[in-house]
């Protein structure tokens, strides 16, 4: 956080140290741009993706710009050996947030299921 100019994190715990909370403040420039708070995800414009997406999400977007892909194909194209739990949760999150969609939305477990960018 120090390298990118973000404020220092703060930590909170109880007297018995049964838990701790870490507070990671938003970079001041992000507040000025109006990208803090409610706008956690970005939107797609060509190959450019607004800040706020993690590297896996950006890689998925780049691959889906080229066309539909299955989860297996996407994982391989972005350099994963297999579909991890994180990767699967990332796909589900992108669907939930309305960025990508199934080609067979009525049947998520369809044997020929693929993902595509959702048209705005």
PDB file of N, CA and C in Angstrom:
ATOM      1  N   UNK A   1       0.835  -1.178   0.000  1.00  0.00           N
ATOM      2  CA  UNK A   1       0.000   0.000   0.000  1.00  0.00           C
ATOM      3  C   UNK A   1       0.883   1.245   0.000  1.00  0.00           C
ATOM      4  N   UNK A   2       2.016   1.145   0.666  1.00  0.00           N
ATOM      5  CA  UNK A   2       2.936   2.276   0.717  1.00  0.00           C
ATOM      6  C   UNK A   2       3.458   2.611  -0.675  1.00  0.00           C
ATOM      7  N   UNK A   3       3.768   1.549  -1.491  1.00  0.00           N
ATOM      8  CA  UNK A   3       4.306   1.766  -2.832  1.00  0.00           C
ATOM      9  C   UNK A   3       3.343   2.502  -3.747  1.00  0.00           C
ATOM     10  N   UNK A   4       2.031   2.263  -3.608  1.00  0.00           N
ATOM     11  CA  UNK A   4       1.092   2.938  -4.515  1.00  0.00           C
ATOM     12  C   UNK A   4       0.510   4.209  -3.909  1.00  0.00           C
ATOM     13  N   UNK A   5       0.995   4.620  -2.738  1.00  0.00           N
ATOM     14  CA  UNK A   5       0.563   5.885  -2.154  1.00  0.00           C
ATOM     15  C   UNK A   5      -0.722   5.806  -1.345  1.00  0.00           C
ATOM     16  N   UNK A   6      -1.181   4.604  -1.024  1.00  0.00           N
ATOM     17  CA  UNK A   6      -2.386   4.454  -0.218  1.00  0.00           C
ATOM     18  C   UNK A   6      -2.083   4.753   1.242  1.00  0.00           C
ATOM     19  N   UNK A   7      -3.097   5.178   1.996  1.00  0.00           N
ATOM     20  CA  UNK A   7      -2.896   5.383   3.432  1.00  0.00           C
ATOM     21  C   UNK A   7      -2.544   4.064   4.115  1.00  0.00           C
ATOM     22  N   UNK A   8      -1.902   4.175   5.274  1.00  0.00           N
ATOM     23  CA  UNK A   8      -1.527   2.987   6.043  1.00  0.00           C
ATOM     24  C   UNK A   8      -2.765   2.232   6.506  1.00  0.00           C
ATOM     25  N   UNK A   9      -2.698   0.900   6.542  1.00  0.00           N
ATOM     26  CA  UNK A   9      -3.816   0.137   7.091  1.00  0.00           C
ATOM     27  C   UNK A   9      -3.872   0.306   8.605  1.00  0.00           C
ATOM     28  N   UNK A  10      -5.037   0.078   9.186  1.00  0.00           N
ATOM     29  CA  UNK A  10      -5.174   0.084  10.638  1.00  0.00           C
ATOM     30  C   UNK A  10      -5.762  -1.245  11.061  1.00  0.00           C
ATOM     31  N   UNK A  11      -5.466  -1.647  12.288  1.00  0.00           N
ATOM     32  CA  UNK A  11      -5.920  -2.930  12.798  1.00  0.00           C
ATOM     33  C   UNK A  11      -6.619  -2.734  14.126  1.00  0.00           C
ATOM     34  N   UNK A  12      -7.638  -3.545  14.351  1.00  0.00           N
ATOM     35  CA  UNK A  12      -8.415  -3.466  15.576  1.00  0.00           C
ATOM     36  C   UNK A  12      -8.583  -4.880  16.120  1.00  0.00           C
ATOM     37  N   UNK A  13      -8.484  -5.033  17.432  1.00  0.00           N
ATOM     38  CA  UNK A  13      -8.693  -6.329  18.058  1.00  0.00           C
ATOM     39  C   UNK A  13      -9.342  -6.122  19.417  1.00  0.00           C
ATOM     40  N   UNK A  14      -9.845  -7.190  20.015  1.00  0.00           N
ATOM     41  CA  UNK A  14     -10.381  -7.076  21.367  1.00  0.00           C
ATOM     42  C   UNK A  14      -9.265  -7.360  22.370  1.00  0.00           C
ATOM     43  N   UNK A  15      -9.533  -7.127  23.667  1.00  0.00           N
ATOM     44  CA  UNK A  15      -8.507  -7.311  24.700  1.00  0.00           C
ATOM     45  C   UNK A  15      -7.997  -8.741  24.777  1.00  0.00           C
ATOM     46  N   UNK A  16      -8.867  -9.706  24.478  1.00  0.00           N
ATOM     47  CA  UNK A  16      -8.466 -11.112  24.547  1.00  0.00           C
ATOM     48  C   UNK A  16      -7.839 -11.612  23.248  1.00  0.00           C
ATOM     49  N   UNK A  17      -7.795 -10.744  22.272  1.00  0.00           N
ATOM     50  CA  UNK A  17      -7.241 -11.080  20.954  1.00  0.00           C
ATOM     51  C   UNK A  17      -7.933 -12.298  20.332  1.00  0.00           C
ATOM     52  N   UNK A  18      -9.276 -12.308  20.405  1.00  0.00           N
ATOM     53  CA  UNK A  18     -10.034 -13.401  19.814  1.00  0.00           C
ATOM     54  C   UNK A  18     -10.380 -13.118  18.356  1.00  0.00           C
ATOM     55  N   UNK A  19     -10.134 -11.894  17.897  1.00  0.00           N
ATOM     56  CA  UNK A  19     -10.375 -11.541  16.506  1.00  0.00           C
ATOM     57  C   UNK A  19      -9.532 -10.321  16.184  1.00  0.00           C
ATOM     58  N   UNK A  20      -9.389 -10.034  14.904  1.00  0.00           N
ATOM     59  CA  UNK A  20      -8.837  -8.747  14.492  1.00  0.00           C
ATOM     60  C   UNK A  20      -9.499  -8.313  13.202  1.00  0.00           C
ATOM     61  N   UNK A  21      -9.596  -7.015  13.037  1.00  0.00           N
ATOM     62  CA  UNK A  21     -10.130  -6.418  11.812  1.00  0.00           C
ATOM     63  C   UNK A  21      -9.018  -5.601  11.180  1.00  0.00           C
ATOM     64  N   UNK A  22      -8.891  -5.700   9.890  1.00  0.00           N
ATOM     65  CA  UNK A  22      -7.922  -4.892   9.154  1.00  0.00           C
ATOM     66  C   UNK A  22      -8.704  -3.898   8.298  1.00  0.00           C
ATOM     67  N   UNK A  23      -8.372  -2.637   8.403  1.00  0.00           N
ATOM     68  CA  UNK A  23      -9.008  -1.586   7.607  1.00  0.00           C
ATOM     69  C   UNK A  23      -8.005  -1.124   6.558  1.00  0.00           C
ATOM     70  N   UNK A  24      -8.396  -1.263   5.301  1.00  0.00           N
ATOM     71  CA  UNK A  24      -7.544  -0.866   4.183  1.00  0.00           C
ATOM     72  C   UNK A  24      -8.198   0.334   3.517  1.00  0.00           C
ATOM     73  N   UNK A  25      -7.734   1.537   3.831  1.00  0.00           N
ATOM     74  CA  UNK A  25      -8.385   2.729   3.281  1.00  0.00           C
ATOM     75  C   UNK A  25      -8.222   2.855   1.766  1.00  0.00           C
ATOM     76  N   UNK A  26      -9.197   3.469   1.140  1.00  0.00           N
ATOM     77  CA  UNK A  26      -9.193   3.683  -0.297  1.00  0.00           C
ATOM     78  C   UNK A  26      -8.152   4.752  -0.639  1.00  0.00           C
ATOM     79  N   UNK A  27      -7.450   4.539  -1.746  1.00  0.00           N
ATOM     80  CA  UNK A  27      -6.459   5.507  -2.228  1.00  0.00           C
ATOM     81  C   UNK A  27      -7.165   6.841  -2.482  1.00  0.00           C
ATOM     82  N   UNK A  28      -6.563   7.977  -2.081  1.00  0.00           N
ATOM     83  CA  UNK A  28      -7.207   9.286  -2.260  1.00  0.00           C
ATOM     84  C   UNK A  28      -7.619   9.589  -3.700  1.00  0.00           C
ATOM     85  N   UNK A  29      -6.825   9.153  -4.693  1.00  0.00           N
ATOM     86  CA  UNK A  29      -7.182   9.407  -6.090  1.00  0.00           C
ATOM     87  C   UNK A  29      -8.458   8.680  -6.489  1.00  0.00           C
ATOM     88  N   UNK A  30      -8.678   7.514  -5.938  1.00  0.00           N
ATOM     89  CA  UNK A  30      -9.879   6.752  -6.255  1.00  0.00           C
ATOM     90  C   UNK A  30     -11.114   7.467  -5.709  1.00  0.00           C
ATOM     91  N   UNK A  31     -10.988   8.083  -4.554  1.00  0.00           N
ATOM     92  CA  UNK A  31     -12.101   8.853  -3.994  1.00  0.00           C
ATOM     93  C   UNK A  31     -12.430  10.029  -4.902  1.00  0.00           C
ATOM     94  N   UNK A  32     -11.383  10.709  -5.379  1.00  0.00           N
ATOM     95  CA  UNK A  32     -11.581  11.874  -6.244  1.00  0.00           C
ATOM     96  C   UNK A  32     -12.246  11.495  -7.564  1.00  0.00           C
ATOM     97  N   UNK A  33     -11.929  10.323  -8.080  1.00  0.00           N
ATOM     98  CA  UNK A  33     -12.500   9.878  -9.352  1.00  0.00           C
ATOM     99  C   UNK A  33     -13.902   9.313  -9.180  1.00  0.00           C
ATOM    100  N   UNK A  34     -14.365   9.197  -7.939  1.00  0.00           N
ATOM    101  CA  UNK A  34     -15.699   8.655  -7.705  1.00  0.00           C
ATOM    102  C   UNK A  34     -15.757   7.162  -7.874  1.00  0.00           C
ATOM    103  N   UNK A  35     -14.611   6.481  -7.712  1.00  0.00           N
ATOM    104  CA  UNK A  35     -14.586   5.043  -7.915  1.00  0.00           C
ATOM    105  C   UNK A  35     -14.541   4.281  -6.606  1.00  0.00           C
ATOM    106  N   UNK A  36     -14.682   4.957  -5.493  1.00  0.00           N
ATOM    107  CA  UNK A  36     -14.702   4.267  -4.212  1.00  0.00           C
ATOM    108  C   UNK A  36     -16.144   3.971  -3.839  1.00  0.00           C
ATOM    109  N   UNK A  37     -16.301   3.042  -2.936  1.00  0.00           N
ATOM    110  CA  UNK A  37     -17.636   2.754  -2.415  1.00  0.00           C
ATOM    111  C   UNK A  37     -18.425   1.858  -3.335  1.00  0.00           C
ATOM    112  N   UNK A  38     -19.528   2.358  -3.898  1.00  0.00           N
ATOM    113  CA  UNK A  38     -20.475   1.538  -4.634  1.00  0.00           C
ATOM    114  C   UNK A  38     -19.981   0.970  -5.941  1.00  0.00           C
ATOM    115  N   UNK A  39     -18.976   1.529  -6.553  1.00  0.00           N
ATOM    116  CA  UNK A  39     -18.540   1.044  -7.870  1.00  0.00           C
ATOM    117  C   UNK A  39     -17.335   0.120  -7.712  1.00  0.00           C
ATOM    118  N   UNK A  40     -17.588  -1.122  -7.364  1.00  0.00           N
ATOM    119  CA  UNK A  40     -16.504  -2.069  -7.115  1.00  0.00           C
ATOM    120  C   UNK A  40     -16.021  -2.738  -8.392  1.00  0.00           C
ATOM    121  N   UNK A  41     -16.870  -2.901  -9.359  1.00  0.00           N
ATOM    122  CA  UNK A  41     -16.498  -3.575 -10.594  1.00  0.00           C
ATOM    123  C   UNK A  41     -16.372  -2.558 -11.721  1.00  0.00           C
ATOM    124  N   UNK A  42     -15.707  -2.965 -12.793  1.00  0.00           N
ATOM    125  CA  UNK A  42     -15.555  -2.076 -13.935  1.00  0.00           C
ATOM    126  C   UNK A  42     -16.534  -2.419 -15.032  1.00  0.00           C
ATOM    127  N   UNK A  43     -16.407  -1.756 -16.156  1.00  0.00           N
ATOM    128  CA  UNK A  43     -17.238  -2.076 -17.310  1.00  0.00           C
ATOM    129  C   UNK A  43     -16.332  -2.277 -18.507  1.00  0.00           C
ATOM    130  N   UNK A  44     -16.790  -3.036 -19.462  1.00  0.00           N
ATOM    131  CA  UNK A  44     -15.968  -3.391 -20.611  1.00  0.00           C
ATOM    132  C   UNK A  44     -16.153  -2.351 -21.709  1.00  0.00           C
ATOM    133  N   UNK A  45     -15.053  -1.940 -22.296  1.00  0.00           N
ATOM    134  CA  UNK A  45     -15.068  -1.073 -23.482  1.00  0.00           C
ATOM    135  C   UNK A  45     -13.935  -1.540 -24.361  1.00  0.00           C
ATOM    136  N   UNK A  46     -14.264  -2.346 -25.374  1.00  0.00           N
ATOM    137  CA  UNK A  46     -13.216  -2.930 -26.212  1.00  0.00           C
ATOM    138  C   UNK A  46     -12.348  -3.813 -25.349  1.00  0.00           C
ATOM    139  N   UNK A  47     -11.033  -3.683 -25.456  1.00  0.00           N
ATOM    140  CA  UNK A  47     -10.138  -4.464 -24.609  1.00  0.00           C
ATOM    141  C   UNK A  47      -9.812  -3.741 -23.320  1.00  0.00           C
ATOM    142  N   UNK A  48     -10.235  -2.486 -23.214  1.00  0.00           N
ATOM    143  CA  UNK A  48      -9.938  -1.720 -22.005  1.00  0.00           C
ATOM    144  C   UNK A  48     -10.980  -2.017 -20.937  1.00  0.00           C
ATOM    145  N   UNK A  49     -10.549  -2.240 -19.739  1.00  0.00           N
ATOM    146  CA  UNK A  49     -11.447  -2.485 -18.620  1.00  0.00           C
ATOM    147  C   UNK A  49     -11.122  -1.457 -17.548  1.00  0.00           C
ATOM    148  N   UNK A  50     -12.158  -0.797 -17.021  1.00  0.00           N
ATOM    149  CA  UNK A  50     -11.927   0.190 -15.975  1.00  0.00           C
ATOM    150  C   UNK A  50     -11.280  -0.459 -14.766  1.00  0.00           C
ATOM    151  N   UNK A  51     -10.545   0.361 -14.013  1.00  0.00           N
ATOM    152  CA  UNK A  51      -9.917  -0.135 -12.795  1.00  0.00           C
ATOM    153  C   UNK A  51     -10.977  -0.658 -11.847  1.00  0.00           C
ATOM    154  N   UNK A  52     -10.613  -1.607 -11.022  1.00  0.00           N
ATOM    155  CA  UNK A  52     -11.524  -2.181 -10.061  1.00  0.00           C
ATOM    156  C   UNK A  52     -11.693  -3.673 -10.251  1.00  0.00           C
ATOM    157  N   UNK A  53     -11.208  -4.201 -11.353  1.00  0.00           N
ATOM    158  CA  UNK A  53     -11.282  -5.637 -11.607  1.00  0.00           C
ATOM    159  C   UNK A  53      -9.955  -6.279 -11.229  1.00  0.00           C
ATOM    160  N   UNK A  54     -10.013  -7.508 -10.723  1.00  0.00           N
ATOM    161  CA  UNK A  54      -8.758  -8.184 -10.419  1.00  0.00           C
ATOM    162  C   UNK A  54      -8.157  -8.758 -11.709  1.00  0.00           C
ATOM    163  N   UNK A  55      -6.943  -9.263 -11.611  1.00  0.00           N
ATOM    164  CA  UNK A  55      -6.240  -9.746 -12.806  1.00  0.00           C
ATOM    165  C   UNK A  55      -6.966 -10.905 -13.480  1.00  0.00           C
ATOM    166  N   UNK A  56      -7.552 -11.788 -12.681  1.00  0.00           N
ATOM    167  CA  UNK A  56      -8.280 -12.927 -13.265  1.00  0.00           C
ATOM    168  C   UNK A  56      -9.493 -12.438 -14.035  1.00  0.00           C
ATOM    169  N   UNK A  57     -10.240 -11.491 -13.472  1.00  0.00           N
ATOM    170  CA  UNK A  57     -11.406 -10.939 -14.161  1.00  0.00           C
ATOM    171  C   UNK A  57     -10.996 -10.261 -15.461  1.00  0.00           C
ATOM    172  N   UNK A  58      -9.913  -9.497 -15.428  1.00  0.00           N
ATOM    173  CA  UNK A  58      -9.430  -8.831 -16.643  1.00  0.00           C
ATOM    174  C   UNK A  58      -9.037  -9.854 -17.708  1.00  0.00           C
ATOM    175  N   UNK A  59      -8.363 -10.925 -17.293  1.00  0.00           N
ATOM    176  CA  UNK A  59      -7.948 -11.956 -18.246  1.00  0.00           C
ATOM    177  C   UNK A  59      -9.162 -12.653 -18.863  1.00  0.00           C
ATOM    178  N   UNK A  60     -10.189 -12.899 -18.051  1.00  0.00           N
ATOM    179  CA  UNK A  60     -11.420 -13.514 -18.565  1.00  0.00           C
ATOM    180  C   UNK A  60     -12.068 -12.595 -19.593  1.00  0.00           C
ATOM    181  N   UNK A  61     -12.154 -11.297 -19.280  1.00  0.00           N
ATOM    182  CA  UNK A  61     -12.726 -10.332 -20.228  1.00  0.00           C
ATOM    183  C   UNK A  61     -11.956 -10.336 -21.537  1.00  0.00           C
ATOM    184  N   UNK A  62     -10.618 -10.312 -21.449  1.00  0.00           N
ATOM    185  CA  UNK A  62      -9.806 -10.299 -22.667  1.00  0.00           C
ATOM    186  C   UNK A  62     -10.091 -11.523 -23.534  1.00  0.00           C
ATOM    187  N   UNK A  63     -10.218 -12.683 -22.901  1.00  0.00           N
ATOM    188  CA  UNK A  63     -10.489 -13.904 -23.663  1.00  0.00           C
ATOM    189  C   UNK A  63     -11.892 -13.899 -24.255  1.00  0.00           C
ATOM    190  N   UNK A  64     -12.875 -13.404 -23.506  1.00  0.00           N
ATOM    191  CA  UNK A  64     -14.250 -13.394 -24.006  1.00  0.00           C
ATOM    192  C   UNK A  64     -14.468 -12.329 -25.079  1.00  0.00           C
ATOM    193  N   UNK A  65     -13.555 -11.375 -25.190  1.00  0.00           N
ATOM    194  CA  UNK A  65     -13.611 -10.412 -26.301  1.00  0.00           C
ATOM    195  C   UNK A  65     -13.465 -11.149 -27.626  1.00  0.00           C
ATOM    196  N   UNK A  66     -12.741 -12.262 -27.597  1.00  0.00           N
ATOM    197  CA  UNK A  66     -12.485 -13.033 -28.813  1.00  0.00           C
ATOM    198  C   UNK A  66     -13.613 -14.003 -29.142  1.00  0.00           C
ATOM    199  N   UNK A  67     -14.533 -14.198 -28.202  1.00  0.00           N
ATOM    200  CA  UNK A  67     -15.663 -15.090 -28.447  1.00  0.00           C
ATOM    201  C   UNK A  67     -15.978 -15.964 -27.251  1.00  0.00           C
ATOM    202  N   UNK A  68     -17.010 -16.780 -27.410  1.00  0.00           N
ATOM    203  CA  UNK A  68     -17.478 -17.659 -26.340  1.00  0.00           C
ATOM    204  C   UNK A  68     -16.414 -18.684 -25.974  1.00  0.00           C
ATOM    205  N   UNK A  69     -16.405 -19.084 -24.700  1.00  0.00           N
ATOM    206  CA  UNK A  69     -15.477 -20.116 -24.233  1.00  0.00           C
ATOM    207  C   UNK A  69     -16.106 -20.880 -23.082  1.00  0.00           C
ATOM    208  N   UNK A  70     -15.752 -22.143 -22.975  1.00  0.00           N
ATOM    209  CA  UNK A  70     -16.165 -22.931 -21.819  1.00  0.00           C
ATOM    210  C   UNK A  70     -15.265 -22.555 -20.642  1.00  0.00           C
ATOM    211  N   UNK A  71     -15.645 -22.961 -19.458  1.00  0.00           N
ATOM    212  CA  UNK A  71     -14.828 -22.681 -18.275  1.00  0.00           C
ATOM    213  C   UNK A  71     -13.453 -23.330 -18.420  1.00  0.00           C
ATOM    214  N   UNK A  72     -13.443 -24.540 -18.913  1.00  0.00           N
ATOM    215  CA  UNK A  72     -12.179 -25.264 -19.122  1.00  0.00           C
ATOM    216  C   UNK A  72     -11.273 -24.506 -20.096  1.00  0.00           C
ATOM    217  N   UNK A  73     -11.844 -24.061 -21.216  1.00  0.00           N
ATOM    218  CA  UNK A  73     -11.069 -23.307 -22.210  1.00  0.00           C
ATOM    219  C   UNK A  73     -10.555 -21.994 -21.616  1.00  0.00           C
ATOM    220  N   UNK A  74     -11.417 -21.292 -20.880  1.00  0.00           N
ATOM    221  CA  UNK A  74     -11.000 -20.030 -20.272  1.00  0.00           C
ATOM    222  C   UNK A  74      -9.834 -20.241 -19.314  1.00  0.00           C
ATOM    223  N   UNK A  75      -9.947 -21.264 -18.464  1.00  0.00           N
ATOM    224  CA  UNK A  75      -8.881 -21.542 -17.498  1.00  0.00           C
ATOM    225  C   UNK A  75      -7.550 -21.755 -18.214  1.00  0.00           C
ATOM    226  N   UNK A  76      -7.565 -22.565 -19.266  1.00  0.00           N
ATOM    227  CA  UNK A  76      -6.329 -22.832 -20.014  1.00  0.00           C
ATOM    228  C   UNK A  76      -5.799 -21.573 -20.685  1.00  0.00           C
ATOM    229  N   UNK A  77      -6.697 -20.795 -21.300  1.00  0.00           N
ATOM    230  CA  UNK A  77      -6.281 -19.591 -22.024  1.00  0.00           C
ATOM    231  C   UNK A  77      -5.655 -18.547 -21.113  1.00  0.00           C
ATOM    232  N   UNK A  78      -6.071 -18.506 -19.842  1.00  0.00           N
ATOM    233  CA  UNK A  78      -5.486 -17.509 -18.941  1.00  0.00           C
ATOM    234  C   UNK A  78      -4.327 -18.078 -18.124  1.00  0.00           C
ATOM    235  N   UNK A  79      -3.911 -19.312 -18.481  1.00  0.00           N
ATOM    236  CA  UNK A  79      -2.698 -19.867 -17.893  1.00  0.00           C
ATOM    237  C   UNK A  79      -2.890 -20.724 -16.656  1.00  0.00           C
ATOM    238  N   UNK A  80      -4.113 -21.165 -16.377  1.00  0.00           N
ATOM    239  CA  UNK A  80      -4.338 -22.051 -15.238  1.00  0.00           C
ATOM    240  C   UNK A  80      -4.250 -23.499 -15.691  1.00  0.00           C
ATOM    241  N   UNK A  81      -3.744 -24.358 -14.835  1.00  0.00           N
ATOM    242  CA  UNK A  81      -3.658 -25.784 -15.169  1.00  0.00           C
ATOM    243  C   UNK A  81      -5.025 -26.444 -15.063  1.00  0.00           C
ATOM    244  N   UNK A  82      -5.849 -25.928 -14.164  1.00  0.00           N
ATOM    245  CA  UNK A  82      -7.197 -26.464 -14.002  1.00  0.00           C
ATOM    246  C   UNK A  82      -8.089 -25.374 -13.427  1.00  0.00           C
ATOM    247  N   UNK A  83      -9.383 -25.684 -13.335  1.00  0.00           N
ATOM    248  CA  UNK A  83     -10.333 -24.723 -12.779  1.00  0.00           C
ATOM    249  C   UNK A  83     -10.277 -24.788 -11.263  1.00  0.00           C
ATOM    250  N   UNK A  84      -9.780 -23.752 -10.642  1.00  0.00           N
ATOM    251  CA  UNK A  84      -9.703 -23.697  -9.183  1.00  0.00           C
ATOM    252  C   UNK A  84     -11.025 -23.184  -8.617  1.00  0.00           C
ATOM    253  N   UNK A  85     -11.166 -23.296  -7.313  1.00  0.00           N
ATOM    254  CA  UNK A  85     -12.349 -22.746  -6.659  1.00  0.00           C
ATOM    255  C   UNK A  85     -12.430 -21.240  -6.848  1.00  0.00           C
ATOM    256  N   UNK A  86     -11.278 -20.565  -6.767  1.00  0.00           N
ATOM    257  CA  UNK A  86     -11.247 -19.118  -6.969  1.00  0.00           C
ATOM    258  C   UNK A  86     -11.731 -18.769  -8.368  1.00  0.00           C
ATOM    259  N   UNK A  87     -11.269 -19.515  -9.363  1.00  0.00           N
ATOM    260  CA  UNK A  87     -11.661 -19.260 -10.743  1.00  0.00           C
ATOM    261  C   UNK A  87     -13.169 -19.436 -10.915  1.00  0.00           C
ATOM    262  N   UNK A  88     -13.714 -20.513 -10.359  1.00  0.00           N
ATOM    263  CA  UNK A  88     -15.155 -20.778 -10.455  1.00  0.00           C
ATOM    264  C   UNK A  88     -15.954 -19.680  -9.764  1.00  0.00           C
ATOM    265  N   UNK A  89     -15.505 -19.246  -8.582  1.00  0.00           N
ATOM    266  CA  UNK A  89     -16.194 -18.150  -7.872  1.00  0.00           C
ATOM    267  C   UNK A  89     -16.107 -16.845  -8.660  1.00  0.00           C
ATOM    268  N   UNK A  90     -14.979 -16.635  -9.335  1.00  0.00           N
ATOM    269  CA  UNK A  90     -14.821 -15.429 -10.156  1.00  0.00           C
ATOM    270  C   UNK A  90     -15.836 -15.428 -11.296  1.00  0.00           C
ATOM    271  N   UNK A  91     -15.990 -16.561 -11.973  1.00  0.00           N
ATOM    272  CA  UNK A  91     -16.979 -16.655 -13.053  1.00  0.00           C
ATOM    273  C   UNK A  91     -18.384 -16.386 -12.517  1.00  0.00           C
ATOM    274  N   UNK A  92     -18.724 -17.011 -11.401  1.00  0.00           N
ATOM    275  CA  UNK A  92     -20.052 -16.804 -10.805  1.00  0.00           C
ATOM    276  C   UNK A  92     -20.274 -15.343 -10.434  1.00  0.00           C
ATOM    277  N   UNK A  93     -19.237 -14.709  -9.890  1.00  0.00           N
ATOM    278  CA  UNK A  93     -19.340 -13.296  -9.533  1.00  0.00           C
ATOM    279  C   UNK A  93     -19.561 -12.409 -10.741  1.00  0.00           C
ATOM    280  N   UNK A  94     -18.880 -12.710 -11.843  1.00  0.00           N
ATOM    281  CA  UNK A  94     -19.043 -11.919 -13.064  1.00  0.00           C
ATOM    282  C   UNK A  94     -20.443 -12.091 -13.651  1.00  0.00           C
ATOM    283  N   UNK A  95     -21.005 -13.293 -13.502  1.00  0.00           N
ATOM    284  CA  UNK A  95     -22.385 -13.523 -13.948  1.00  0.00           C
ATOM    285  C   UNK A  95     -23.339 -12.745 -13.046  1.00  0.00           C
ATOM    286  N   UNK A  96     -23.157 -12.878 -11.750  1.00  0.00           N
ATOM    287  CA  UNK A  96     -24.026 -12.198 -10.770  1.00  0.00           C
ATOM    288  C   UNK A  96     -24.008 -10.679 -10.975  1.00  0.00           C
ATOM    289  N   UNK A  97     -22.832 -10.139 -11.277  1.00  0.00           N
ATOM    290  CA  UNK A  97     -22.699  -8.688 -11.465  1.00  0.00           C
ATOM    291  C   UNK A  97     -23.144  -8.228 -12.847  1.00  0.00           C
ATOM    292  N   UNK A  98     -23.540  -9.175 -13.711  1.00  0.00           N
ATOM    293  CA  UNK A  98     -24.083  -8.819 -15.013  1.00  0.00           C
ATOM    294  C   UNK A  98     -23.063  -8.501 -16.083  1.00  0.00           C
ATOM    295  N   UNK A  99     -21.824  -8.999 -15.939  1.00  0.00           N
ATOM    296  CA  UNK A  99     -20.792  -8.728 -16.937  1.00  0.00           C
ATOM    297  C   UNK A  99     -20.685  -9.823 -17.986  1.00  0.00           C
ATOM    298  N   UNK A 100     -20.908 -11.061 -17.555  1.00  0.00           N
ATOM    299  CA  UNK A 100     -20.878 -12.173 -18.497  1.00  0.00           C
ATOM    300  C   UNK A 100     -22.155 -12.989 -18.310  1.00  0.00           C
ATOM    301  N   UNK A 101     -22.405 -13.895 -19.258  1.00  0.00           N
ATOM    302  CA  UNK A 101     -23.589 -14.739 -19.147  1.00  0.00           C
ATOM    303  C   UNK A 101     -23.332 -16.082 -19.795  1.00  0.00           C
ATOM    304  N   UNK A 102     -24.190 -17.041 -19.447  1.00  0.00           N
ATOM    305  CA  UNK A 102     -24.145 -18.357 -20.071  1.00  0.00           C
ATOM    306  C   UNK A 102     -24.765 -18.280 -21.463  1.00  0.00           C
ATOM    307  N   UNK A 103     -24.323 -19.172 -22.356  1.00  0.00           N
ATOM    308  CA  UNK A 103     -25.012 -19.248 -23.645  1.00  0.00           C
ATOM    309  C   UNK A 103     -26.299 -20.062 -23.507  1.00  0.00           C
ATOM    310  N   UNK A 104     -26.384 -20.888 -22.459  1.00  0.00           N
ATOM    311  CA  UNK A 104     -27.608 -21.627 -22.123  1.00  0.00           C
ATOM    312  C   UNK A 104     -28.038 -21.224 -20.711  1.00  0.00           C
ATOM    313  N   UNK A 105     -28.578 -20.012 -20.544  1.00  0.00           N
ATOM    314  CA  UNK A 105     -28.896 -19.524 -19.191  1.00  0.00           C
ATOM    315  C   UNK A 105     -29.928 -20.359 -18.443  1.00  0.00           C
ATOM    316  N   UNK A 106     -30.806 -21.022 -19.171  1.00  0.00           N
ATOM    317  CA  UNK A 106     -31.841 -21.829 -18.523  1.00  0.00           C
ATOM    318  C   UNK A 106     -31.279 -23.142 -17.969  1.00  0.00           C
ATOM    319  N   UNK A 107     -30.057 -23.487 -18.345  1.00  0.00           N
ATOM    320  CA  UNK A 107     -29.461 -24.749 -17.915  1.00  0.00           C
ATOM    321  C   UNK A 107     -27.965 -24.560 -17.632  1.00  0.00           C
ATOM    322  N   UNK A 108     -27.616 -24.001 -16.448  1.00  0.00           N
ATOM    323  CA  UNK A 108     -26.203 -23.727 -16.147  1.00  0.00           C
ATOM    324  C   UNK A 108     -25.271 -24.935 -16.239  1.00  0.00           C
ATOM    325  N   UNK A 109     -25.798 -26.135 -16.064  1.00  0.00           N
ATOM    326  CA  UNK A 109     -24.955 -27.335 -16.127  1.00  0.00           C
ATOM    327  C   UNK A 109     -25.037 -28.044 -17.486  1.00  0.00           C
ATOM    328  N   UNK A 110     -25.502 -27.339 -18.490  1.00  0.00           N
ATOM    329  CA  UNK A 110     -25.598 -27.900 -19.847  1.00  0.00           C
ATOM    330  C   UNK A 110     -24.220 -28.419 -20.264  1.00  0.00           C
ATOM    331  N   UNK A 111     -24.143 -29.598 -20.874  1.00  0.00           N
ATOM    332  CA  UNK A 111     -22.842 -30.166 -21.242  1.00  0.00           C
ATOM    333  C   UNK A 111     -22.041 -29.316 -22.234  1.00  0.00           C
ATOM    334  N   UNK A 112     -22.713 -28.500 -23.015  1.00  0.00           N
ATOM    335  CA  UNK A 112     -22.013 -27.638 -23.981  1.00  0.00           C
ATOM    336  C   UNK A 112     -21.965 -26.185 -23.509  1.00  0.00           C
ATOM    337  N   UNK A 113     -22.106 -25.972 -22.196  1.00  0.00           N
ATOM    338  CA  UNK A 113     -22.181 -24.608 -21.660  1.00  0.00           C
ATOM    339  C   UNK A 113     -20.914 -23.819 -21.955  1.00  0.00           C
ATOM    340  N   UNK A 114     -21.113 -22.583 -22.312  1.00  0.00           N
ATOM    341  CA  UNK A 114     -19.997 -21.643 -22.531  1.00  0.00           C
ATOM    342  C   UNK A 114     -20.393 -20.296 -21.944  1.00  0.00           C
ATOM    343  N   UNK A 115     -19.400 -19.420 -21.830  1.00  0.00           N
ATOM    344  CA  UNK A 115     -19.610 -18.069 -21.317  1.00  0.00           C
ATOM    345  C   UNK A 115     -19.392 -17.075 -22.438  1.00  0.00           C
ATOM    346  N   UNK A 116     -20.092 -15.959 -22.333  1.00  0.00           N
ATOM    347  CA  UNK A 116     -19.908 -14.869 -23.308  1.00  0.00           C
ATOM    348  C   UNK A 116     -20.103 -13.545 -22.577  1.00  0.00           C
ATOM    349  N   UNK A 117     -19.579 -12.479 -23.172  1.00  0.00           N
ATOM    350  CA  UNK A 117     -19.785 -11.156 -22.597  1.00  0.00           C
ATOM    351  C   UNK A 117     -21.249 -10.791 -22.718  1.00  0.00           C
ATOM    352  N   UNK A 118     -21.783 -10.176 -21.687  1.00  0.00           N
ATOM    353  CA  UNK A 118     -23.178  -9.764 -21.722  1.00  0.00           C
ATOM    354  C   UNK A 118     -23.270  -8.460 -22.500  1.00  0.00           C
ATOM    355  N   UNK A 119     -24.211  -8.406 -23.409  1.00  0.00           N
ATOM    356  CA  UNK A 119     -24.409  -7.184 -24.200  1.00  0.00           C
ATOM    357  C   UNK A 119     -25.101  -6.142 -23.342  1.00  0.00           C
ATOM    358  N   UNK A 120     -24.604  -4.907 -23.424  1.00  0.00           N
ATOM    359  CA  UNK A 120     -25.189  -3.844 -22.596  1.00  0.00           C
ATOM    360  C   UNK A 120     -26.493  -3.348 -23.155  1.00  0.00           C
TER     361      UNK A 120
END
